[in-house]
Amino acid sequence: MITQSQSPIIEVVARGLAPVIQLLGIYVFFHGHYGPGGGFQGGVLLAAGVLLMRLGMGAVHSQAHVSSKTTVAICALGALIFAGTGLVAILGGGEFMDYSYLPVPGVEAVDLRYYGILFVELGITMAVMTGLVAIYDDLLGIKHAGNN
């Protein structure tokens, strides 16, 4: 398991750079439903910020921000949001991922597409971010904070 870095330079850079990377990830996510991409790229950037904290502060200390136990649950929730948005469109009479058929009364088809894409991108971002963090934690053998 990776413990806290012995170099104060690495720790200071990690503490300063991780929030900036995560802010960029949030920007990429929110911009993603206007243009191509966004969910996957934003999730990777958010995961990079968390992993940088894990490398700089040590895995056990950074568990207070994003614990290994919750990453799997959030990853599953993200996949459920992604798939659920497509399945709800089927219930509304459309095809899978045809957001204009989302069963929301009183909302125009254009707005339904906008919000449908936003929910899909949210699910992808959550699944990618927490999936990458869970893979990293699994490779290190981290079960949950405090043990290992």
Protein backbone atom coordinates (compact mmCIF):
# COMPACT_ATOMS: atom_id res chain seq x y z
CA MET A 1 0.00 0.00 0.00
CA ILE A 2 1.19 3.49 -0.75
CA THR A 3 1.78 5.54 2.37
CA GLN A 4 2.06 9.28 2.65
CA SER A 5 4.83 10.75 0.52
CA GLN A 6 8.06 11.54 2.33
CA SER A 7 8.57 14.58 0.12
CA PRO A 8 6.87 17.77 1.28
CA ILE A 9 7.05 19.07 -2.29
CA ILE A 10 4.92 16.21 -3.60
CA GLU A 11 2.41 16.66 -0.79
CA VAL A 12 2.09 20.43 -1.32
CA VAL A 13 1.78 20.06 -5.10
CA ALA A 14 -0.82 17.29 -4.70
CA ARG A 15 -2.87 19.35 -2.25
CA GLY A 16 -2.74 22.40 -4.52
CA LEU A 17 -3.17 20.72 -7.89
CA ALA A 18 -5.86 18.12 -7.08
CA PRO A 19 -8.68 20.67 -6.52
CA VAL A 20 -7.74 22.47 -9.75
CA ILE A 21 -7.88 19.20 -11.69
CA GLN A 22 -11.24 18.36 -10.12
CA LEU A 23 -12.61 21.80 -10.96
CA LEU A 24 -11.52 21.27 -14.56
CA GLY A 25 -13.27 17.88 -14.48
CA ILE A 26 -16.51 19.50 -13.32
CA TYR A 27 -16.21 22.09 -16.10
CA VAL A 28 -15.66 19.37 -18.72
CA PHE A 29 -18.68 17.47 -17.38
CA PHE A 30 -21.00 20.48 -17.56
CA HIS A 31 -19.71 21.46 -20.99
CA GLY A 32 -20.08 17.89 -22.22
CA HIS A 33 -23.79 17.96 -22.90
CA TYR A 34 -23.33 20.93 -25.24
CA GLY A 35 -20.67 19.24 -27.37
CA PRO A 36 -19.28 15.77 -27.92
CA GLY A 37 -17.82 13.98 -24.93
CA GLY A 38 -17.80 15.29 -21.42
CA GLY A 39 -18.95 12.43 -19.24
CA PHE A 40 -15.99 10.14 -19.71
CA GLN A 41 -13.40 12.91 -19.88
CA GLY A 42 -14.83 14.69 -16.85
CA GLY A 43 -14.88 11.42 -14.91
CA VAL A 44 -11.24 10.74 -15.76
CA LEU A 45 -10.21 14.22 -14.61
CA LEU A 46 -12.17 13.89 -11.36
CA ALA A 47 -10.56 10.49 -10.75
CA ALA A 48 -7.12 11.96 -11.51
CA GLY A 49 -7.67 14.55 -8.78
CA VAL A 50 -8.63 11.87 -6.26
CA LEU A 51 -5.72 9.63 -7.26
CA LEU A 52 -3.29 12.54 -6.99
CA MET A 53 -4.49 13.05 -3.42
CA ARG A 54 -4.04 9.33 -2.77
CA LEU A 55 -0.46 9.52 -4.05
CA GLY A 56 0.44 12.73 -2.23
CA MET A 57 -1.28 12.19 1.12
CA GLY A 58 -1.28 8.42 1.26
CA ALA A 59 -4.20 6.16 0.58
CA VAL A 60 -5.47 5.95 4.15
CA HIS A 61 -5.53 9.74 4.71
CA SER A 62 -7.26 10.46 1.41
CA GLN A 63 -9.95 7.89 2.24
CA ALA A 64 -11.62 10.62 4.31
CA HIS A 65 -12.47 12.45 1.06
CA VAL A 66 -13.55 9.50 -1.10
CA SER A 67 -13.59 6.14 0.67
CA SER A 68 -13.11 2.85 -1.13
CA LYS A 69 -16.35 1.58 0.32
CA THR A 70 -18.47 4.26 -1.31
CA THR A 71 -16.72 4.21 -4.69
CA VAL A 72 -18.30 0.91 -5.69
CA ALA A 73 -21.78 2.09 -4.65
CA ILE A 74 -21.42 5.37 -6.55
CA CYS A 75 -20.09 3.50 -9.59
CA ALA A 76 -23.16 1.26 -9.58
CA LEU A 77 -25.43 4.28 -9.12
CA GLY A 78 -23.80 5.99 -12.11
CA ALA A 79 -24.34 2.93 -14.30
CA LEU A 80 -27.94 2.75 -13.09
CA ILE A 81 -28.54 6.42 -13.95
CA PHE A 82 -27.04 5.87 -17.41
CA ALA A 83 -29.06 2.75 -18.20
CA GLY A 84 -32.17 3.98 -16.38
CA THR A 85 -32.39 7.12 -18.50
CA GLY A 86 -32.45 4.99 -21.64
CA LEU A 87 -34.93 2.51 -20.24
CA VAL A 88 -37.33 5.23 -19.10
CA ALA A 89 -37.45 6.45 -22.70
CA ILE A 90 -38.63 2.97 -23.72
CA LEU A 91 -41.40 3.20 -21.11
CA GLY A 92 -42.40 6.52 -22.69
CA GLY A 93 -42.93 4.85 -26.07
CA GLY A 94 -39.61 5.63 -27.75
CA GLU A 95 -36.43 3.74 -28.40
CA PHE A 96 -33.53 3.22 -26.01
CA MET A 97 -31.81 6.58 -25.36
CA ASP A 98 -34.40 8.56 -27.35
CA TYR A 99 -34.71 11.34 -24.80
CA SER A 100 -37.60 13.10 -26.53
CA TYR A 101 -39.85 10.28 -25.27
CA LEU A 102 -38.99 10.68 -21.60
CA PRO A 103 -42.35 10.63 -19.79
CA VAL A 104 -42.26 14.11 -18.26
CA PRO A 105 -45.55 15.95 -18.84
CA GLY A 106 -45.51 19.56 -19.96
CA VAL A 107 -41.89 19.60 -21.14
CA GLU A 108 -40.95 20.18 -24.78
CA ALA A 109 -39.02 17.50 -26.69
CA VAL A 110 -36.00 19.81 -27.03
CA ASP A 111 -35.82 20.27 -23.26
CA LEU A 112 -36.28 16.54 -22.70
CA ARG A 113 -33.27 15.85 -24.93
CA TYR A 114 -31.25 18.45 -23.04
CA TYR A 115 -32.02 16.96 -19.63
CA GLY A 116 -31.74 13.39 -20.91
CA ILE A 117 -28.21 14.02 -22.16
CA LEU A 118 -27.36 15.74 -18.87
CA PHE A 119 -28.50 12.70 -16.86
CA VAL A 120 -26.62 10.29 -19.12
CA GLU A 121 -23.45 12.38 -18.82
CA LEU A 122 -23.90 12.50 -15.03
CA GLY A 123 -24.17 8.71 -14.89
CA ILE A 124 -21.11 8.25 -17.08
CA THR A 125 -19.08 10.74 -15.04
CA MET A 126 -19.99 9.06 -11.76
CA ALA A 127 -19.28 5.57 -13.07
CA VAL A 128 -15.95 6.45 -14.70
CA MET A 129 -14.63 8.50 -11.78
CA THR A 130 -15.46 6.02 -9.06
CA GLY A 131 -14.66 3.03 -11.26
CA LEU A 132 -11.10 4.25 -11.83
CA VAL A 133 -10.64 5.03 -8.13
CA ALA A 134 -12.01 1.58 -7.21
CA ILE A 135 -9.61 -0.09 -9.66
CA TYR A 136 -6.69 1.84 -8.16
CA ASP A 137 -7.74 0.93 -4.63
CA ASP A 138 -8.18 -2.71 -5.61
CA LEU A 139 -4.72 -2.85 -7.19
CA LEU A 140 -3.29 -1.51 -3.93
CA GLY A 141 -5.32 -3.94 -1.86
CA ILE A 142 -7.23 -1.24 0.03
CA LYS A 143 -10.41 -2.66 1.55
CA HIS A 144 -11.57 0.39 3.48
CA ALA A 145 -10.06 3.21 5.52
CA GLY A 146 -7.96 2.19 8.48
CA ASN A 147 -7.28 -1.42 7.51
CA ASN A 148 -4.23 -2.38 5.44
